[in-house]
Amino acid sequence: MSNYSFRVLDESKKQVEITYNNKTLRFQLKVKRSFTVLKKLLEAYPNFINIHSLDSILNDPNRAHSDLRISNGFAGFLIEKKVKNVMHVKLDAEKLFEICKTEDPNKFLTLSPLHLRENLSQQNKNRLYKKFKGKCNITGIKLQKELKGSYFFKHSLLASYDHRRPISKGGSNELFNWQLVSKLVNDEKNKICNTCDVAKCEECALAYPEKFNKILPTGQNINKIFKKK
């Protein structure tokens, strides 16, 4: 195993230090139950833990796992699999240290999807709008860059810019990982992505409707919802 160690710096403040391949990072978590899950993952590394092995110390280990993924931004740094319909999880330390960097080893990192997100420049927004011919890549509806006043179904007409693979699941800020969708679609896609444990974004219709028809987490055929022209 690669050079690896960890230590809890402050239990009450939910602070932990992780060392991997002679590099050290410090993390500040937001939610106590998430910190409990992270500690168990660090203790078990590089092995998986059965999330229900935490039943004796957490009232709802599934919710704690979800908090670690979403609220604390670790979704892109966990390897997950289901065994007999039970979630097993382990930390992806290599990816964590590849993406999370700091010049100050004493700085505490607080991860979230926004921590790793970069806003699109206006130039790149214009490029995407032109690339997708001003249409939502999922519904095919013509979108407006700006809408003032009252409009029926306004959020289905308003342009929004979406990460095909979400940042929370390890997605890139590179332009190839963006698509033009309506604000309504973006909001609904985020709800599904945040609860998805399939982790095959590149095979899902919500991320690549040009290539696939099936929404992986729900099994829905997107062509039966929208008939794009």
Foldseek 3Di string as FASTA:
>chain_A
DFDWDKDADDLVQLKIWIAGNNDIAIAGEDDNLLSVVVVVQSVPPPDKDFLCVCVVPDVDSVVSVLCNLAVQLCQQQKDWDADPNTIIIHGNVVVVVVQDDDPDRPDHDRHHLVVQDDDDDPVLVVVQCVVLVQAAPQAQHRADCDDDDDDVVNQQRHKDKDQLQRVSNVGDNDSVRIHIGGNVLRVVVVVQNSPDPPSPSVAACSSPVVVHQAHVVVRDGSCVVHPHD
